[in-house]
Amino acid sequence: MAAPKLTEAFRDNYRRLFDLARIRPQHAKAVDRWCDKVLANQTRYESIGNPLGIPWFFIAAAHMRESSLDFTKHLHNGDPLTAPRTALLRFPTRSIAPPRASQGRLESLLSSRNLRHQASTGRASQQGQAESTSEIHR
């Protein structure tokens, strides 16, 4: 699936949805715990994103979504680092035998998705790009 075209209407819709988003009170403590985990690893995410020109928080969001912030799994799809990947990818990647540092795999993934250019285009673009990466392991 190709990334959506980032028209002004598309951006406006993402801005509107983001502005409407609220954390439900019953989930506030869990959100705080997740945020604490992400912030505790901010330097690690920056070390991945900075050389690629990708915001650290985008890396953290992908890591949270794909592997629940577990550094013993591939950051991009949640497969264990000690076993071959089993999640299917819809785009070409280099074949790397396990074990392999998850940071290196994520750098490969992010480079192949051309996220460097997308990262500088604002929150709506980043949300659209994040949505397009959801198909990575389907």
Protein backbone atom coordinates (compact mmCIF):
# COMPACT_ATOMS: atom_id res chain seq x y z
CA MET A 1 0.00 0.00 0.00
CA ALA A 2 1.39 3.36 -1.00
CA ALA A 3 1.63 6.12 1.57
CA PRO A 4 -1.38 8.43 1.40
CA LYS A 5 -0.96 11.67 -0.51
CA LEU A 6 -0.55 14.42 2.06
CA THR A 7 -3.09 16.91 0.78
CA GLU A 8 -4.18 19.89 2.88
CA ALA A 9 -7.53 18.16 3.51
CA PHE A 10 -5.69 15.06 4.72
CA ARG A 11 -3.54 17.18 7.07
CA ASP A 12 -6.57 19.07 8.35
CA ASN A 13 -8.37 15.82 9.11
CA TYR A 14 -5.40 14.48 11.10
CA ARG A 15 -5.09 17.78 12.97
CA ARG A 16 -8.79 17.65 13.82
CA LEU A 17 -8.57 14.03 15.00
CA PHE A 18 -5.45 14.75 17.07
CA ASP A 19 -7.09 17.77 18.68
CA LEU A 20 -10.16 15.68 19.57
CA ALA A 21 -8.12 12.87 21.14
CA ARG A 22 -8.46 12.56 24.92
CA ILE A 23 -7.07 10.11 27.45
CA ARG A 24 -9.91 8.42 29.27
CA PRO A 25 -9.60 8.80 33.05
CA GLN A 26 -9.59 5.03 33.59
CA HIS A 27 -6.49 4.78 31.37
CA ALA A 28 -4.55 7.76 32.75
CA LYS A 29 -2.29 5.73 35.08
CA ALA A 30 -1.42 3.24 32.34
CA VAL A 31 -0.62 6.09 29.95
CA ASP A 32 1.63 7.62 32.60
CA ARG A 33 3.48 4.31 33.01
CA TRP A 34 3.98 3.98 29.24
CA CYS A 35 5.20 7.58 29.05
CA ASP A 36 7.67 6.94 31.89
CA LYS A 37 9.06 3.92 30.00
CA VAL A 38 9.37 5.90 26.78
CA LEU A 39 11.07 8.85 28.46
CA ALA A 40 13.47 6.52 30.29
CA ASN A 41 14.67 5.37 26.84
CA GLN A 42 14.57 8.73 25.06
CA THR A 43 18.34 8.78 24.61
CA ARG A 44 18.21 5.35 23.01
CA TYR A 45 15.50 6.43 20.60
CA GLU A 46 17.44 9.61 19.78
CA SER A 47 20.50 7.54 18.95
CA ILE A 48 18.43 5.70 16.36
CA GLY A 49 16.44 8.61 14.98
CA ASN A 50 18.96 11.46 14.94
CA PRO A 51 21.30 9.96 12.30
CA LEU A 52 18.26 9.24 10.13
CA GLY A 53 16.59 12.62 10.71
CA ILE A 54 13.57 10.97 12.34
CA PRO A 55 12.09 12.34 15.58
CA TRP A 56 12.82 10.17 18.62
CA PHE A 57 9.14 10.10 19.59
CA PHE A 58 8.23 8.52 16.24
CA ILE A 59 10.75 5.76 16.94
CA ALA A 60 9.32 5.33 20.44
CA ALA A 61 5.74 5.17 19.15
CA ALA A 62 6.66 2.49 16.60
CA HIS A 63 8.56 0.55 19.27
CA MET A 64 5.62 0.74 21.67
CA ARG A 65 3.14 -0.32 19.03
CA GLU A 66 5.16 -3.14 17.52
CA SER A 67 6.93 -4.67 20.51
CA SER A 68 5.47 -3.06 23.65
CA LEU A 69 8.80 -1.29 24.33
CA ASP A 70 10.53 -4.65 24.72
CA PHE A 71 14.18 -4.33 23.68
CA THR A 72 14.54 -8.12 23.49
CA LYS A 73 12.36 -8.07 20.37
CA HIS A 74 12.79 -6.49 16.96
CA LEU A 75 11.66 -2.90 17.31
CA HIS A 76 9.72 -2.99 14.06
CA ASN A 77 7.62 -6.14 14.39
CA GLY A 78 7.94 -7.73 17.85
CA ASP A 79 9.70 -10.94 16.74
CA PRO A 80 12.28 -12.17 19.28
CA LEU A 81 15.87 -11.16 18.55
CA THR A 82 16.99 -14.73 19.17
CA ALA A 83 14.86 -16.29 16.44
CA PRO A 84 14.25 -15.73 12.73
CA ARG A 85 11.61 -13.16 11.91
CA THR A 86 8.19 -14.63 11.35
CA ALA A 87 6.16 -11.49 10.69
CA LEU A 88 5.60 -10.91 7.00
CA LEU A 89 6.88 -7.70 5.46
CA ARG A 90 5.39 -6.03 2.41
CA PHE A 91 8.54 -4.29 1.33
CA PRO A 92 12.07 -5.48 0.65
CA THR A 93 14.52 -5.68 3.56
CA ARG A 94 18.02 -7.04 3.82
CA SER A 95 18.12 -10.65 4.96
CA ILE A 96 19.78 -10.70 8.38
CA ALA A 97 20.16 -13.84 10.42
CA PRO A 98 19.45 -13.69 14.18
CA PRO A 99 20.60 -12.57 16.59
CA ARG A 100 20.95 -9.03 15.37
CA ALA A 101 20.83 -5.78 17.30
CA SER A 102 17.32 -4.43 17.18
CA GLN A 103 18.63 -0.91 16.64
CA GLY A 104 20.25 -1.94 13.38
CA ARG A 105 17.08 -3.60 12.15
CA LEU A 106 15.00 -0.56 12.98
CA GLU A 107 17.44 1.70 11.17
CA SER A 108 17.12 -0.54 8.11
CA LEU A 109 13.34 -0.47 8.32
CA LEU A 110 13.13 3.28 8.75
CA SER A 111 15.59 3.95 5.96
CA SER A 112 13.64 1.70 3.60
CA ARG A 113 10.41 3.58 4.37
CA ASN A 114 12.01 6.97 3.53
CA LEU A 115 10.86 8.47 6.81
CA ARG A 116 13.68 11.02 6.92
CA HIS A 117 11.85 13.31 4.50
CA GLN A 118 8.48 12.71 6.14
CA ALA A 119 9.70 13.57 9.65
CA SER A 120 10.16 17.24 8.85
CA THR A 121 6.69 17.78 7.41
CA GLY A 122 4.74 18.14 10.65
CA ARG A 123 2.49 16.19 12.96
CA ALA A 124 -0.18 15.38 10.38
CA SER A 125 2.42 13.91 8.04
CA GLN A 126 3.96 11.91 10.87
CA GLN A 127 0.55 10.54 11.82
CA GLY A 128 -0.12 9.55 8.23
CA GLN A 129 3.28 7.91 7.97
CA ALA A 130 2.70 6.07 11.25
CA GLU A 131 -0.60 4.80 9.89
CA SER A 132 1.08 3.56 6.73
CA THR A 133 3.66 1.61 8.76
CA SER A 134 0.88 -0.36 10.44
CA GLU A 135 0.85 -2.70 7.44
CA ILE A 136 4.52 -3.58 7.84
CA HIS A 137 3.87 -6.93 9.46
CA ARG A 138 0.36 -7.80 8.37
